[in-house]
Amino acid sequence: GVRIESHAVLDGRTHIGDGTHIYPFASIGLAPQDLKYAGEPAETRIGRRNQIREFVTIHRGTAGGGMLTSIGDDCLLMAQAHVAHDCIIGNNVIMANAATLAGHVSVADGANIGAYSGVHQFCRVGREAYVGGYSVVVKDALPFALTVGNHAKCYGLNTTGMKRRDYPRRTIDALHHAFKLLLSSRLNTTQALDKIKAEIADVPEVAELVRFIEASERGVVK
């Protein structure tokens, strides 16, 4: 079942999966902090086996964003983290203390967002990205990468995270090469992507990185 501690508040059309633990003073499913919100019956969906710690706030969706705020399975939201309206969070995501997502942010599986970091509205955080503490992210944070600072910069592959997840050496080496072309060569982004696709796009994680960049609407952190 779902464990809900004292003084937690759940409101509206909120759905919570089995095994999730909601700690004291968490606030889930309340109206969004959006002046355009007009009381539409939007939803909040939280998956299974999540840890929602003290004073976390998760707001329902809006008509402007699909009427849904969603969190996947096996996530840890540490104390005072904030998930704004219409955010879509995948599985195995960690948000450290007071990490903040503005509206319409998407966070892919396995991402880790450090304490007191802020992600601008409509940004994407890629799969298994690591956003360092106190960072300000105003563009899309690349998958598998270290993104740190105010404003954030990309510092290449999160090698430690890749090794912890037992990625093969070929994958790690290919991603290292891809990030080197993107971040430290004299090629512009289009030229770097063309070279990556020609040389190492047969590695699935590299192909995923390329697709992420090509799909970006705000631009990516570099």
N, C-alpha and C. Protein backbone atom coordinates (compact mmCIF):
# COMPACT_ATOMS: atom_id res chain seq x y z
N GLY A 1 0.81 -1.20 0.00
CA GLY A 1 0.00 0.00 0.00
C GLY A 1 0.84 1.25 0.00
N VAL A 2 0.18 2.37 0.11
CA VAL A 2 0.83 3.69 0.16
C VAL A 2 0.90 4.14 1.62
N ARG A 3 2.05 4.62 2.03
CA ARG A 3 2.21 5.11 3.40
C ARG A 3 2.23 6.63 3.39
N ILE A 4 1.30 7.25 4.10
CA ILE A 4 1.18 8.70 4.17
C ILE A 4 1.36 9.14 5.61
N GLU A 5 2.41 9.91 5.88
CA GLU A 5 2.71 10.36 7.24
C GLU A 5 1.81 11.54 7.63
N SER A 6 1.88 11.89 8.91
CA SER A 6 1.04 12.97 9.42
C SER A 6 1.37 14.31 8.76
N HIS A 7 0.36 15.15 8.63
CA HIS A 7 0.47 16.51 8.12
C HIS A 7 0.82 16.60 6.64
N ALA A 8 0.85 15.48 5.94
CA ALA A 8 0.95 15.55 4.48
C ALA A 8 -0.41 15.95 3.91
N VAL A 9 -0.40 16.65 2.78
CA VAL A 9 -1.63 17.11 2.15
C VAL A 9 -1.70 16.58 0.72
N LEU A 10 -2.79 15.89 0.40
CA LEU A 10 -3.06 15.42 -0.95
C LEU A 10 -4.37 16.04 -1.41
N ASP A 11 -4.39 16.54 -2.64
CA ASP A 11 -5.58 17.25 -3.11
C ASP A 11 -5.84 16.91 -4.57
N GLY A 12 -7.07 17.14 -5.00
CA GLY A 12 -7.44 17.02 -6.40
C GLY A 12 -7.38 15.59 -6.90
N ARG A 13 -7.25 15.46 -8.20
CA ARG A 13 -7.19 14.15 -8.86
C ARG A 13 -5.76 13.62 -8.79
N THR A 14 -5.44 13.07 -7.66
CA THR A 14 -4.09 12.59 -7.38
C THR A 14 -4.09 11.07 -7.29
N HIS A 15 -3.21 10.43 -8.05
CA HIS A 15 -3.10 8.98 -8.09
C HIS A 15 -1.70 8.59 -7.64
N ILE A 16 -1.60 7.67 -6.69
CA ILE A 16 -0.31 7.30 -6.11
C ILE A 16 -0.16 5.79 -6.14
N GLY A 17 0.97 5.32 -6.66
CA GLY A 17 1.20 3.90 -6.83
C GLY A 17 1.63 3.19 -5.56
N ASP A 18 1.51 1.88 -5.60
CA ASP A 18 1.81 1.02 -4.46
C ASP A 18 3.26 1.17 -4.01
N GLY A 19 3.47 1.16 -2.71
CA GLY A 19 4.81 1.19 -2.15
C GLY A 19 5.41 2.57 -2.00
N THR A 20 4.69 3.60 -2.40
CA THR A 20 5.20 4.97 -2.24
C THR A 20 5.02 5.44 -0.80
N HIS A 21 6.02 6.16 -0.31
CA HIS A 21 6.03 6.65 1.07
C HIS A 21 6.07 8.18 1.02
N ILE A 22 5.06 8.81 1.60
CA ILE A 22 4.94 10.26 1.63
C ILE A 22 5.18 10.74 3.05
N TYR A 23 6.18 11.58 3.23
CA TYR A 23 6.62 11.99 4.56
C TYR A 23 5.87 13.23 5.04
N PRO A 24 6.05 13.59 6.32
CA PRO A 24 5.29 14.72 6.88
C PRO A 24 5.47 16.02 6.10
N PHE A 25 4.37 16.75 5.99
CA PHE A 25 4.32 18.09 5.42
C PHE A 25 4.57 18.14 3.91
N ALA A 26 4.60 16.99 3.26
CA ALA A 26 4.60 17.01 1.79
C ALA A 26 3.25 17.52 1.29
N SER A 27 3.26 18.15 0.14
CA SER A 27 2.04 18.74 -0.44
C SER A 27 1.94 18.30 -1.89
N ILE A 28 0.92 17.50 -2.19
CA ILE A 28 0.84 16.84 -3.50
C ILE A 28 -0.52 17.08 -4.14
N GLY A 29 -0.49 17.52 -5.38
CA GLY A 29 -1.72 17.64 -6.16
C GLY A 29 -2.47 18.94 -5.97
N LEU A 30 -1.90 19.90 -5.26
CA LEU A 30 -2.58 21.18 -5.09
C LEU A 30 -2.51 22.00 -6.38
N ALA A 31 -3.28 23.09 -6.40
CA ALA A 31 -3.35 23.93 -7.59
C ALA A 31 -1.97 24.48 -7.95
N PRO A 32 -1.69 24.61 -9.23
CA PRO A 32 -0.38 25.09 -9.66
C PRO A 32 -0.18 26.58 -9.39
N GLN A 33 1.07 26.98 -9.33
CA GLN A 33 1.42 28.39 -9.18
C GLN A 33 1.50 29.02 -10.58
N ASP A 34 0.36 29.07 -11.23
CA ASP A 34 0.25 29.53 -12.61
C ASP A 34 -0.97 30.44 -12.70
N LEU A 35 -0.78 31.70 -13.03
CA LEU A 35 -1.89 32.65 -13.06
C LEU A 35 -2.93 32.30 -14.11
N LYS A 36 -2.56 31.48 -15.09
CA LYS A 36 -3.52 31.09 -16.12
C LYS A 36 -4.43 29.97 -15.67
N TYR A 37 -4.10 29.32 -14.57
CA TYR A 37 -4.91 28.19 -14.12
C TYR A 37 -6.30 28.66 -13.71
N ALA A 38 -7.31 27.98 -14.25
CA ALA A 38 -8.70 28.39 -14.03
C ALA A 38 -9.53 27.31 -13.37
N GLY A 39 -8.86 26.42 -12.64
CA GLY A 39 -9.58 25.39 -11.91
C GLY A 39 -9.90 24.15 -12.70
N GLU A 40 -9.30 23.97 -13.87
CA GLU A 40 -9.57 22.79 -14.67
C GLU A 40 -9.16 21.52 -13.92
N PRO A 41 -9.86 20.40 -14.17
CA PRO A 41 -9.66 19.18 -13.38
C PRO A 41 -8.41 18.41 -13.81
N ALA A 42 -7.26 19.01 -13.65
CA ALA A 42 -6.01 18.37 -14.03
C ALA A 42 -5.61 17.32 -12.99
N GLU A 43 -4.62 16.50 -13.35
CA GLU A 43 -4.24 15.36 -12.52
C GLU A 43 -2.78 15.43 -12.08
N THR A 44 -2.52 14.67 -11.03
CA THR A 44 -1.16 14.39 -10.57
C THR A 44 -1.03 12.88 -10.45
N ARG A 45 -0.03 12.31 -11.11
CA ARG A 45 0.17 10.86 -11.07
C ARG A 45 1.57 10.55 -10.55
N ILE A 46 1.62 9.71 -9.54
CA ILE A 46 2.89 9.30 -8.94
C ILE A 46 2.93 7.78 -8.97
N GLY A 47 4.03 7.23 -9.44
CA GLY A 47 4.14 5.79 -9.61
C GLY A 47 4.42 5.04 -8.32
N ARG A 48 5.09 3.91 -8.46
CA ARG A 48 5.31 2.99 -7.35
C ARG A 48 6.68 3.19 -6.70
N ARG A 49 6.71 2.87 -5.40
CA ARG A 49 7.96 2.79 -4.63
C ARG A 49 8.75 4.09 -4.62
N ASN A 50 8.06 5.20 -4.61
CA ASN A 50 8.74 6.50 -4.52
C ASN A 50 8.88 6.94 -3.07
N GLN A 51 9.90 7.73 -2.81
CA GLN A 51 10.11 8.34 -1.51
C GLN A 51 9.92 9.85 -1.67
N ILE A 52 8.84 10.38 -1.09
CA ILE A 52 8.53 11.80 -1.18
C ILE A 52 8.77 12.39 0.21
N ARG A 53 9.88 13.09 0.37
CA ARG A 53 10.32 13.49 1.71
C ARG A 53 9.64 14.78 2.18
N GLU A 54 10.07 15.22 3.36
CA GLU A 54 9.39 16.31 4.06
C GLU A 54 9.37 17.60 3.22
N PHE A 55 8.20 18.26 3.22
CA PHE A 55 8.00 19.57 2.59
C PHE A 55 8.17 19.57 1.07
N VAL A 56 8.16 18.41 0.46
CA VAL A 56 8.15 18.36 -1.01
C VAL A 56 6.82 18.91 -1.51
N THR A 57 6.85 19.67 -2.62
CA THR A 57 5.62 20.16 -3.25
C THR A 57 5.56 19.65 -4.69
N ILE A 58 4.43 19.07 -5.04
CA ILE A 58 4.19 18.56 -6.40
C ILE A 58 2.82 19.08 -6.83
N HIS A 59 2.78 19.93 -7.86
CA HIS A 59 1.54 20.57 -8.26
C HIS A 59 0.90 19.88 -9.46
N ARG A 60 -0.42 19.91 -9.50
CA ARG A 60 -1.16 19.30 -10.61
C ARG A 60 -0.89 20.02 -11.93
N GLY A 61 -1.28 19.39 -13.02
CA GLY A 61 -1.08 19.95 -14.35
C GLY A 61 -2.03 21.08 -14.67
N THR A 62 -1.93 21.58 -15.90
CA THR A 62 -2.79 22.66 -16.38
C THR A 62 -3.25 22.34 -17.80
N ALA A 63 -4.25 23.09 -18.26
CA ALA A 63 -4.74 22.91 -19.62
C ALA A 63 -3.67 23.23 -20.66
N GLY A 64 -2.72 24.08 -20.29
CA GLY A 64 -1.66 24.44 -21.22
C GLY A 64 -0.55 23.43 -21.32
N GLY A 65 -0.62 22.36 -20.54
CA GLY A 65 0.47 21.40 -20.54
C GLY A 65 0.03 19.95 -20.51
N GLY A 66 -1.16 19.66 -21.00
CA GLY A 66 -1.61 18.28 -21.04
C GLY A 66 -2.38 17.82 -19.84
N MET A 67 -2.66 18.73 -18.90
CA MET A 67 -3.51 18.41 -17.74
C MET A 67 -2.90 17.38 -16.80
N LEU A 68 -1.57 17.23 -16.82
CA LEU A 68 -0.97 16.16 -16.04
C LEU A 68 0.43 16.54 -15.57
N THR A 69 0.67 16.31 -14.27
CA THR A 69 2.01 16.25 -13.71
C THR A 69 2.27 14.80 -13.34
N SER A 70 3.41 14.25 -13.75
CA SER A 70 3.63 12.81 -13.62
C SER A 70 5.02 12.51 -13.09
N ILE A 71 5.08 11.55 -12.17
CA ILE A 71 6.34 11.03 -11.64
C ILE A 71 6.31 9.52 -11.79
N GLY A 72 7.40 8.93 -12.24
CA GLY A 72 7.45 7.50 -12.50
C GLY A 72 7.61 6.66 -11.25
N ASP A 73 8.40 5.60 -11.35
CA ASP A 73 8.62 4.66 -10.25
C ASP A 73 10.02 4.84 -9.66
N ASP A 74 10.15 4.48 -8.38
CA ASP A 74 11.46 4.35 -7.71
C ASP A 74 12.25 5.65 -7.69
N CYS A 75 11.56 6.77 -7.53
CA CYS A 75 12.22 8.07 -7.43
C CYS A 75 12.41 8.47 -5.97
N LEU A 76 13.40 9.31 -5.74
CA LEU A 76 13.63 9.90 -4.42
C LEU A 76 13.60 11.41 -4.56
N LEU A 77 12.62 12.04 -3.94
CA LEU A 77 12.53 13.49 -3.88
C LEU A 77 12.84 13.90 -2.45
N MET A 78 14.03 14.48 -2.25
CA MET A 78 14.46 14.84 -0.91
C MET A 78 13.73 16.08 -0.42
N ALA A 79 13.94 16.39 0.84
CA ALA A 79 13.17 17.44 1.51
C ALA A 79 13.20 18.76 0.74
N GLN A 80 12.02 19.37 0.63
CA GLN A 80 11.82 20.70 0.05
C GLN A 80 11.99 20.75 -1.47
N ALA A 81 12.12 19.61 -2.13
CA ALA A 81 12.14 19.63 -3.59
C ALA A 81 10.79 20.10 -4.11
N HIS A 82 10.80 20.73 -5.30
CA HIS A 82 9.57 21.26 -5.89
C HIS A 82 9.42 20.78 -7.32
N VAL A 83 8.25 20.21 -7.63
CA VAL A 83 7.90 19.79 -8.99
C VAL A 83 6.69 20.61 -9.42
N ALA A 84 6.88 21.51 -10.37
CA ALA A 84 5.81 22.41 -10.78
C ALA A 84 4.84 21.72 -11.74
N HIS A 85 3.82 22.46 -12.11
CA HIS A 85 2.76 21.95 -12.99
C HIS A 85 3.31 21.43 -14.32
N ASP A 86 2.72 20.32 -14.76
CA ASP A 86 2.98 19.75 -16.08
C ASP A 86 4.37 19.17 -16.25
N CYS A 87 5.10 18.97 -15.16
CA CYS A 87 6.39 18.29 -15.26
C CYS A 87 6.16 16.79 -15.47
N ILE A 88 7.05 16.19 -16.24
CA ILE A 88 7.02 14.75 -16.48
C ILE A 88 8.37 14.19 -16.04
N ILE A 89 8.36 13.37 -15.01
CA ILE A 89 9.57 12.79 -14.44
C ILE A 89 9.54 11.29 -14.67
N GLY A 90 10.65 10.72 -15.10
CA GLY A 90 10.72 9.30 -15.38
C GLY A 90 10.95 8.46 -14.13
N ASN A 91 11.59 7.31 -14.32
CA ASN A 91 11.86 6.37 -13.24
C ASN A 91 13.28 6.57 -12.68
N ASN A 92 13.46 6.21 -11.41
CA ASN A 92 14.78 6.21 -10.77
C ASN A 92 15.45 7.59 -10.80
N VAL A 93 14.64 8.61 -10.68
CA VAL A 93 15.16 9.98 -10.65
C VAL A 93 15.40 10.41 -9.20
N ILE A 94 16.48 11.12 -8.97
CA ILE A 94 16.78 11.68 -7.65
C ILE A 94 16.78 13.20 -7.75
N MET A 95 15.99 13.84 -6.90
CA MET A 95 16.06 15.29 -6.73
C MET A 95 16.51 15.54 -5.30
N ALA A 96 17.67 16.17 -5.14
CA ALA A 96 18.20 16.42 -3.81
C ALA A 96 17.46 17.60 -3.16
N ASN A 97 17.84 17.92 -1.94
CA ASN A 97 17.13 18.91 -1.13
C ASN A 97 16.96 20.24 -1.87
N ALA A 98 15.72 20.72 -1.92
CA ALA A 98 15.37 22.02 -2.47
C ALA A 98 15.66 22.16 -3.96
N ALA A 99 15.89 21.06 -4.65
CA ALA A 99 15.97 21.12 -6.11
C ALA A 99 14.59 21.51 -6.65
N THR A 100 14.57 22.33 -7.70
CA THR A 100 13.33 22.94 -8.16
C THR A 100 13.17 22.79 -9.66
N LEU A 101 12.01 22.29 -10.07
CA LEU A 101 11.66 22.22 -11.49
C LEU A 101 10.55 23.21 -11.76
N ALA A 102 10.75 24.11 -12.72
CA ALA A 102 9.67 25.00 -13.15
C ALA A 102 8.68 24.22 -14.02
N GLY A 103 7.64 24.89 -14.47
CA GLY A 103 6.59 24.20 -15.21
C GLY A 103 7.06 23.60 -16.51
N HIS A 104 6.44 22.48 -16.88
CA HIS A 104 6.64 21.83 -18.19
C HIS A 104 8.04 21.24 -18.37
N VAL A 105 8.76 20.98 -17.31
CA VAL A 105 10.08 20.36 -17.41
C VAL A 105 9.91 18.85 -17.53
N SER A 106 10.75 18.23 -18.35
CA SER A 106 10.79 16.76 -18.41
C SER A 106 12.15 16.28 -17.92
N VAL A 107 12.12 15.23 -17.12
CA VAL A 107 13.33 14.64 -16.56
C VAL A 107 13.31 13.15 -16.90
N ALA A 108 14.30 12.69 -17.64
CA ALA A 108 14.33 11.31 -18.10
C ALA A 108 14.83 10.37 -17.01
N ASP A 109 14.70 9.08 -17.27
CA ASP A 109 15.05 8.04 -16.30
C ASP A 109 16.48 8.20 -15.80
N GLY A 110 16.66 7.97 -14.50
CA GLY A 110 17.98 7.89 -13.92
C GLY A 110 18.71 9.20 -13.73
N ALA A 111 18.06 10.32 -14.00
CA ALA A 111 18.71 11.61 -13.82
C ALA A 111 18.85 11.95 -12.33
N ASN A 112 19.85 12.76 -12.02
CA ASN A 112 20.13 13.16 -10.65
C ASN A 112 20.29 14.68 -10.63
N ILE A 113 19.43 15.37 -9.88
CA ILE A 113 19.45 16.83 -9.84
C ILE A 113 19.88 17.26 -8.44
N GLY A 114 20.99 17.98 -8.37
CA GLY A 114 21.61 18.30 -7.10
C GLY A 114 20.85 19.33 -6.29
N ALA A 115 21.24 19.44 -5.03
CA ALA A 115 20.56 20.31 -4.07
C ALA A 115 20.57 21.76 -4.53
N TYR A 116 19.45 22.44 -4.29
CA TYR A 116 19.29 23.88 -4.56
C TYR A 116 19.47 24.25 -6.03
N SER A 117 19.35 23.28 -6.91
CA SER A 117 19.41 23.58 -8.34
C SER A 117 18.04 23.98 -8.86
N GLY A 118 18.02 24.79 -9.91
CA GLY A 118 16.78 25.20 -10.55
C GLY A 118 16.82 24.88 -12.03
N VAL A 119 15.72 24.35 -12.55
CA VAL A 119 15.61 24.05 -13.98
C VAL A 119 14.50 24.92 -14.56
N HIS A 120 14.83 25.69 -15.58
CA HIS A 120 13.91 26.64 -16.22
C HIS A 120 12.75 25.91 -16.89
N GLN A 121 11.61 26.60 -16.98
CA GLN A 121 10.43 26.00 -17.58
C GLN A 121 10.70 25.53 -19.02
N PHE A 122 10.07 24.44 -19.39
CA PHE A 122 10.14 23.82 -20.71
C PHE A 122 11.49 23.18 -21.02
N CYS A 123 12.41 23.14 -20.08
CA CYS A 123 13.68 22.46 -20.32
C CYS A 123 13.52 20.95 -20.18
N ARG A 124 14.49 20.23 -20.75
CA ARG A 124 14.56 18.78 -20.60
C ARG A 124 15.88 18.41 -19.91
N VAL A 125 15.80 17.41 -19.06
CA VAL A 125 16.99 16.84 -18.44
C VAL A 125 17.10 15.41 -18.96
N GLY A 126 18.20 15.10 -19.62
CA GLY A 126 18.33 13.83 -20.32
C GLY A 126 18.54 12.65 -19.40
N ARG A 127 18.45 11.48 -20.00
CA ARG A 127 18.58 10.23 -19.25
C ARG A 127 19.95 10.14 -18.58
N GLU A 128 19.92 9.80 -17.29
CA GLU A 128 21.12 9.60 -16.48
C GLU A 128 22.03 10.82 -16.48
N ALA A 129 21.45 11.99 -16.71
CA ALA A 129 22.20 13.24 -16.55
C ALA A 129 22.47 13.49 -15.07
N TYR A 130 23.55 14.19 -14.80
CA TYR A 130 23.86 14.61 -13.43
C TYR A 130 23.97 16.13 -13.42
N VAL A 131 23.06 16.78 -12.69
CA VAL A 131 23.07 18.23 -12.53
C VAL A 131 23.62 18.54 -11.15
N GLY A 132 24.75 19.22 -11.09
CA GLY A 132 25.39 19.49 -9.82
C GLY A 132 24.61 20.47 -8.96
N GLY A 133 24.88 20.46 -7.67
CA GLY A 133 24.19 21.32 -6.72
C GLY A 133 24.35 22.79 -7.04
N TYR A 134 23.32 23.58 -6.72
CA TYR A 134 23.31 25.03 -6.89
C TYR A 134 23.40 25.47 -8.36
N SER A 135 23.04 24.59 -9.27
CA SER A 135 23.11 24.92 -10.69
C SER A 135 21.84 25.63 -11.15
N VAL A 136 21.98 26.43 -12.21
CA VAL A 136 20.84 27.09 -12.86
C VAL A 136 20.83 26.62 -14.31
N VAL A 137 19.83 25.82 -14.65
CA VAL A 137 19.76 25.18 -15.96
C VAL A 137 18.69 25.89 -16.78
N VAL A 138 19.10 26.56 -17.86
CA VAL A 138 18.15 27.32 -18.68
C VAL A 138 18.03 26.76 -20.09
N LYS A 139 18.79 25.72 -20.38
CA LYS A 139 18.66 24.98 -21.64
C LYS A 139 18.58 23.49 -21.30
N ASP A 140 18.48 22.64 -22.31
CA ASP A 140 18.35 21.21 -22.07
C ASP A 140 19.68 20.62 -21.59
N ALA A 141 19.63 19.85 -20.50
CA ALA A 141 20.82 19.20 -19.94
C ALA A 141 21.01 17.85 -20.61
N LEU A 142 22.17 17.65 -21.20
CA LEU A 142 22.42 16.48 -22.04
C LEU A 142 22.39 15.17 -21.26
N PRO A 143 21.91 14.10 -21.89
CA PRO A 143 21.94 12.79 -21.24
C PRO A 143 23.37 12.33 -21.01
N PHE A 144 23.57 11.60 -19.92
CA PHE A 144 24.85 10.98 -19.55
C PHE A 144 25.93 11.99 -19.17
N ALA A 145 25.57 13.26 -19.06
CA ALA A 145 26.58 14.32 -18.90
C ALA A 145 26.57 14.92 -17.50
N LEU A 146 27.68 15.60 -17.18
CA LEU A 146 27.79 16.42 -15.98
C LEU A 146 27.45 17.86 -16.36
N THR A 147 26.43 18.41 -15.74
CA THR A 147 25.99 19.77 -16.00
C THR A 147 26.02 20.52 -14.67
N VAL A 148 26.82 21.58 -14.60
CA VAL A 148 27.06 22.25 -13.32
C VAL A 148 27.22 23.75 -13.55
N GLY A 149 26.74 24.56 -12.61
CA GLY A 149 27.08 25.97 -12.58
C GLY A 149 25.91 26.91 -12.75
N ASN A 150 26.20 28.22 -12.61
CA ASN A 150 25.21 29.29 -12.75
C ASN A 150 25.81 30.37 -13.66
N HIS A 151 25.37 30.44 -14.92
CA HIS A 151 24.51 29.48 -15.60
C HIS A 151 25.30 28.19 -15.86
N ALA A 152 24.54 27.10 -15.99
CA ALA A 152 25.17 25.79 -16.08
C ALA A 152 25.99 25.64 -17.36
N LYS A 153 27.07 24.87 -17.23
CA LYS A 153 27.87 24.43 -18.37
C LYS A 153 27.95 22.91 -18.33
N CYS A 154 28.23 22.33 -19.49
CA CYS A 154 28.40 20.88 -19.57
C CYS A 154 29.88 20.55 -19.48
N TYR A 155 30.21 19.63 -18.60
CA TYR A 155 31.60 19.25 -18.38
C TYR A 155 31.89 17.84 -18.87
N GLY A 156 31.12 17.38 -19.84
CA GLY A 156 31.40 16.10 -20.46
C GLY A 156 30.69 14.93 -19.80
N LEU A 157 31.18 13.76 -20.09
CA LEU A 157 30.53 12.52 -19.68
C LEU A 157 30.59 12.32 -18.16
N ASN A 158 29.49 11.85 -17.60
CA ASN A 158 29.45 11.45 -16.19
C ASN A 158 30.05 10.05 -16.08
N THR A 159 31.36 9.99 -16.15
CA THR A 159 32.05 8.70 -16.22
C THR A 159 31.78 7.86 -14.98
N THR A 160 31.79 8.48 -13.82
CA THR A 160 31.55 7.73 -12.58
C THR A 160 30.17 7.08 -12.61
N GLY A 161 29.17 7.82 -13.03
CA GLY A 161 27.83 7.26 -13.12
C GLY A 161 27.74 6.13 -14.12
N MET A 162 28.43 6.26 -15.24
CA MET A 162 28.41 5.20 -16.25
C MET A 162 29.04 3.92 -15.72
N LYS A 163 30.14 4.05 -15.00
CA LYS A 163 30.81 2.88 -14.44
C LYS A 163 29.95 2.22 -13.37
N ARG A 164 29.30 3.03 -12.55
CA ARG A 164 28.43 2.47 -11.51
C ARG A 164 27.29 1.66 -12.11
N ARG A 165 26.86 2.04 -13.30
CA ARG A 165 25.76 1.34 -13.96
C ARG A 165 26.27 0.24 -14.87
N ASP A 166 27.57 -0.03 -14.82
CA ASP A 166 28.18 -1.16 -15.54
C ASP A 166 28.02 -1.06 -17.05
N TYR A 167 28.14 0.15 -17.59
CA TYR A 167 28.16 0.28 -19.04
C TYR A 167 29.47 -0.30 -19.58
N PRO A 168 29.42 -0.94 -20.76
CA PRO A 168 30.65 -1.49 -21.33
C PRO A 168 31.63 -0.40 -21.72
N ARG A 169 32.90 -0.76 -21.75
CA ARG A 169 33.95 0.20 -22.06
C ARG A 169 33.74 0.84 -23.43
N ARG A 170 33.27 0.07 -24.40
CA ARG A 170 33.06 0.64 -25.74
C ARG A 170 32.04 1.78 -25.70
N THR A 171 30.99 1.61 -24.92
CA THR A 171 29.97 2.66 -24.81
C THR A 171 30.56 3.91 -24.16
N ILE A 172 31.30 3.72 -23.07
CA ILE A 172 31.91 4.86 -22.38
C ILE A 172 32.89 5.59 -23.29
N ASP A 173 33.72 4.83 -24.01
CA ASP A 173 34.70 5.46 -24.90
C ASP A 173 34.01 6.22 -26.04
N ALA A 174 32.95 5.63 -26.58
CA ALA A 174 32.23 6.29 -27.68
C ALA A 174 31.58 7.59 -27.20
N LEU A 175 30.99 7.57 -26.01
CA LEU A 175 30.39 8.78 -25.48
C LEU A 175 31.44 9.84 -25.16
N HIS A 176 32.59 9.40 -24.64
CA HIS A 176 33.69 10.35 -24.41
C HIS A 176 34.06 11.06 -25.71
N HIS A 177 34.17 10.29 -26.76
CA HIS A 177 34.54 10.87 -28.06
C HIS A 177 33.46 11.84 -28.55
N ALA A 178 32.20 11.44 -28.38
CA ALA A 178 31.09 12.30 -28.80
C ALA A 178 31.11 13.63 -28.05
N PHE A 179 31.30 13.57 -26.74
CA PHE A 179 31.33 14.82 -25.97
C PHE A 179 32.55 15.67 -26.31
N LYS A 180 33.66 15.03 -26.61
CA LYS A 180 34.84 15.79 -27.02
C LYS A 180 34.56 16.57 -28.30
N LEU A 181 33.90 15.92 -29.26
CA LEU A 181 33.56 16.60 -30.50
C LEU A 181 32.58 17.75 -30.26
N LEU A 182 31.62 17.53 -29.36
CA LEU A 182 30.60 18.54 -29.10
C LEU A 182 31.14 19.74 -28.31
N LEU A 183 32.04 19.47 -27.37
CA LEU A 183 32.38 20.49 -26.39
C LEU A 183 33.75 21.12 -26.58
N SER A 184 34.71 20.39 -27.13
CA SER A 184 36.07 20.91 -27.13
C SER A 184 36.74 20.90 -28.50
N SER A 185 36.02 20.53 -29.54
CA SER A 185 36.58 20.66 -30.89
C SER A 185 36.24 22.04 -31.44
N ARG A 186 36.73 22.34 -32.61
CA ARG A 186 36.41 23.62 -33.25
C ARG A 186 35.18 23.51 -34.14
N LEU A 187 34.50 22.40 -34.07
CA LEU A 187 33.30 22.19 -34.87
C LEU A 187 32.10 22.85 -34.22
N ASN A 188 31.19 23.40 -35.04
CA ASN A 188 29.93 23.84 -34.46
C ASN A 188 29.05 22.62 -34.20
N THR A 189 27.89 22.84 -33.60
CA THR A 189 27.07 21.70 -33.19
C THR A 189 26.64 20.86 -34.38
N THR A 190 26.23 21.48 -35.46
CA THR A 190 25.80 20.73 -36.64
C THR A 190 26.95 19.90 -37.21
N GLN A 191 28.13 20.48 -37.30
CA GLN A 191 29.29 19.75 -37.81
C GLN A 191 29.67 18.60 -36.88
N ALA A 192 29.62 18.87 -35.57
CA ALA A 192 29.96 17.82 -34.61
C ALA A 192 28.98 16.66 -34.70
N LEU A 193 27.69 16.97 -34.83
CA LEU A 193 26.70 15.89 -34.95
C LEU A 193 26.91 15.09 -36.21
N ASP A 194 27.23 15.74 -37.32
CA ASP A 194 27.49 15.01 -38.56
C ASP A 194 28.67 14.05 -38.39
N LYS A 195 29.72 14.51 -37.72
CA LYS A 195 30.89 13.66 -37.52
C LYS A 195 30.57 12.51 -36.57
N ILE A 196 29.81 12.79 -35.52
CA ILE A 196 29.41 11.74 -34.58
C ILE A 196 28.58 10.68 -35.30
N LYS A 197 27.63 11.11 -36.10
CA LYS A 197 26.77 10.15 -36.81
C LYS A 197 27.58 9.32 -37.80
N ALA A 198 28.60 9.90 -38.39
CA ALA A 198 29.41 9.17 -39.35
C ALA A 198 30.34 8.17 -38.68
N GLU A 199 30.76 8.45 -37.44
CA GLU A 199 31.81 7.64 -36.81
C GLU A 199 31.30 6.66 -35.76
N ILE A 200 30.35 7.07 -34.91
CA ILE A 200 30.03 6.24 -33.73
C ILE A 200 28.54 6.15 -33.43
N ALA A 201 27.69 6.48 -34.39
CA ALA A 201 26.25 6.46 -34.11
C ALA A 201 25.69 5.06 -34.00
N ASP A 202 26.52 4.03 -34.26
CA ASP A 202 26.04 2.65 -34.08
C ASP A 202 25.95 2.28 -32.61
N VAL A 203 26.54 3.07 -31.72
CA VAL A 203 26.41 2.84 -30.28
C VAL A 203 25.07 3.44 -29.83
N PRO A 204 24.17 2.64 -29.25
CA PRO A 204 22.82 3.14 -28.96
C PRO A 204 22.79 4.41 -28.11
N GLU A 205 23.65 4.49 -27.11
CA GLU A 205 23.65 5.67 -26.24
C GLU A 205 24.11 6.92 -26.99
N VAL A 206 25.02 6.75 -27.93
CA VAL A 206 25.44 7.88 -28.76
C VAL A 206 24.31 8.32 -29.67
N ALA A 207 23.62 7.36 -30.26
CA ALA A 207 22.46 7.69 -31.09
C ALA A 207 21.39 8.42 -30.28
N GLU A 208 21.22 8.01 -29.02
CA GLU A 208 20.26 8.69 -28.14
C GLU A 208 20.69 10.13 -27.88
N LEU A 209 21.97 10.34 -27.65
CA LEU A 209 22.50 11.69 -27.44
C LEU A 209 22.23 12.57 -28.66
N VAL A 210 22.47 12.03 -29.84
CA VAL A 210 22.24 12.79 -31.07
C VAL A 210 20.76 13.15 -31.21
N ARG A 211 19.88 12.20 -30.98
CA ARG A 211 18.44 12.47 -31.09
C ARG A 211 18.00 13.54 -30.10
N PHE A 212 18.56 13.47 -28.89
CA PHE A 212 18.21 14.45 -27.85
C PHE A 212 18.57 15.87 -28.31
N ILE A 213 19.75 16.02 -28.87
CA ILE A 213 20.19 17.34 -29.32
C ILE A 213 19.34 17.82 -30.49
N GLU A 214 19.09 16.93 -31.44
CA GLU A 214 18.33 17.32 -32.63
C GLU A 214 16.88 17.68 -32.29
N ALA A 215 16.36 17.12 -31.21
CA ALA A 215 14.97 17.40 -30.82
C ALA A 215 14.83 18.64 -29.95
N SER A 216 15.95 19.25 -29.57
CA SER A 216 15.90 20.36 -28.62
C SER A 216 15.24 21.59 -29.23
N GLU A 217 14.36 22.21 -28.46
CA GLU A 217 13.73 23.46 -28.87
C GLU A 217 14.36 24.67 -28.19
N ARG A 218 14.96 24.47 -27.03
CA ARG A 218 15.58 25.58 -26.29
C ARG A 218 17.08 25.66 -26.51
N GLY A 219 17.66 24.66 -27.18
CA GLY A 219 19.10 24.54 -27.23
C GLY A 219 19.59 23.72 -26.06
N VAL A 220 20.83 23.26 -26.12
CA VAL A 220 21.37 22.40 -25.08
C VAL A 220 22.49 23.11 -24.33
N VAL A 221 22.69 22.70 -23.09
CA VAL A 221 23.78 23.22 -22.28
C VAL A 221 25.10 22.70 -22.85
N LYS A 222 26.03 23.60 -23.12
CA LYS A 222 27.35 23.21 -23.64
C LYS A 222 28.44 23.91 -22.83
